[in-house]
Structure formats: C-alpha cells, structure tokens
Amino acid sequence: MVVCPFYYEKEKKNEEAISYYVKSNEKTEEKDSELLAFNIREIIHQSSPEVQDIVFLCIGSDRYVGDSLGPLVGTMLKERQVPFRVYGTLEEPVHAFNLKGILKEINKQFKKPLVISIDASIGTKEQVGHVMFKEGPLTPGKALEKMLPEVGDYHFVGFVNYIDPLPTSQFLNDTRLYTVMNLAKTIVKVITKIRVNDDKER
C-alpha cells in the first residue's frame, strides 16, 4: 500500500481534526504501515492521561460482502491477539440491532476508554480501495439512512464501493470480496504495529 496523509494540517472548522488516506493493495510496504501506525500511536499518547483502555469497535455484518469489513477486521485482530479490547467479529458481529447495547456495555465495563470504530463506507470511484483514519466519531448505517448513534473518538473507514445511480442497498451485494479483504488486511496490518505504553494496553 501507499501511505499518504490526505491532510495533516488542521481543518479550519475543527482545529483538532486530522485524517489520513491509505491506499490498499497487495504490495503492502512495511515502512508505509509503520508510518500510519506511528501517527496513530502519537495520537494515543497525546490523548487524555485518564484514558485507561483502548477499544476497537468493528461494525458491520457478514450477511453482505459490502458490509463485512468491520467483522473481518475484528476477527483478524482477535486471531492476532492484539493487546486491545475488540468488539465485532464474524462470530459476534456488532450491527444496527445490537449497537446501542454494545455501547452501554463498553461504557459500563471501561471507565475512560479510547474508542476507535471501524466500518465500511461508499465514496467516489477514486476512493475505492482506500482506508481513511480520521479523528472524531463515525455514523454507522448512514448510507442506508439508518438512525444510529455516532461512535468512536477516532475511526477507520474502508471505501468498499462507489456511489452509483443504483439503490445503496444493492452496493452491498455488488461489492467485491477481494476489495474488502485487501482493506481488512491493511487496517489490521496498521493496528498490529501500534505499540503503546503498558498503562494504555489491555
């Protein structure tokens, strides 16, 4: 993959907002994933000292290829036994019907968690195959016009398909598994390279 900051300078509307684009493909270079992992690690270190746990909330369902990015990432992270708490896998997905309950569970179990949410997204044709890491919450289900709560202090999205005259729900079925798998591998590769202080690991 090729890592390049979409922009690293602060936005005018929100002086804290930072986002990065990562192009996902089979030729993943170590230095590229290391670079993004380093930037995320710095963000974690600069977060409030009260943060005690880092939680990855992987949203989606394996019922549709286009919506399976989150649970694929969650499953891969669990298999690699990352030192973070992970919610949302192929076996136990986090989706529209249980999201609110999972959020209550996270808030009950952790006092000051730093939540990083992960979900699939649709965008422009040029964005397909890219991962975006951005400060702030994401709104899951927005493409399907579902009213769900915003989640995450930061978030990853993988662009699995592009906007088309077809109904949005059809994008979920027309999405290539190859694209989703590459995006999942890219996100997991970055996360597994994150190393933080013991007081923020779990």
Foldseek 3Di string as FASTA:
>chain_A
DAWDFPDAQADPVGRPKGKTKDFFDPPDDPVRLLVVLVVVLVVVVPPDPVAQAEEEEFAFAPVFLQWCLRQPLLQVCVVVVFQHHYHAHHVHHQYDVCVVVVVVVCVVVGPHYQYEYETEDAAAPVQQRMKMKMADWDQPPVLVPDDDDTDGRIYIYHHQYYDDPDRSVVCRHVTDNNSSVRVSVSVNSNSNSHDHDPSHTD
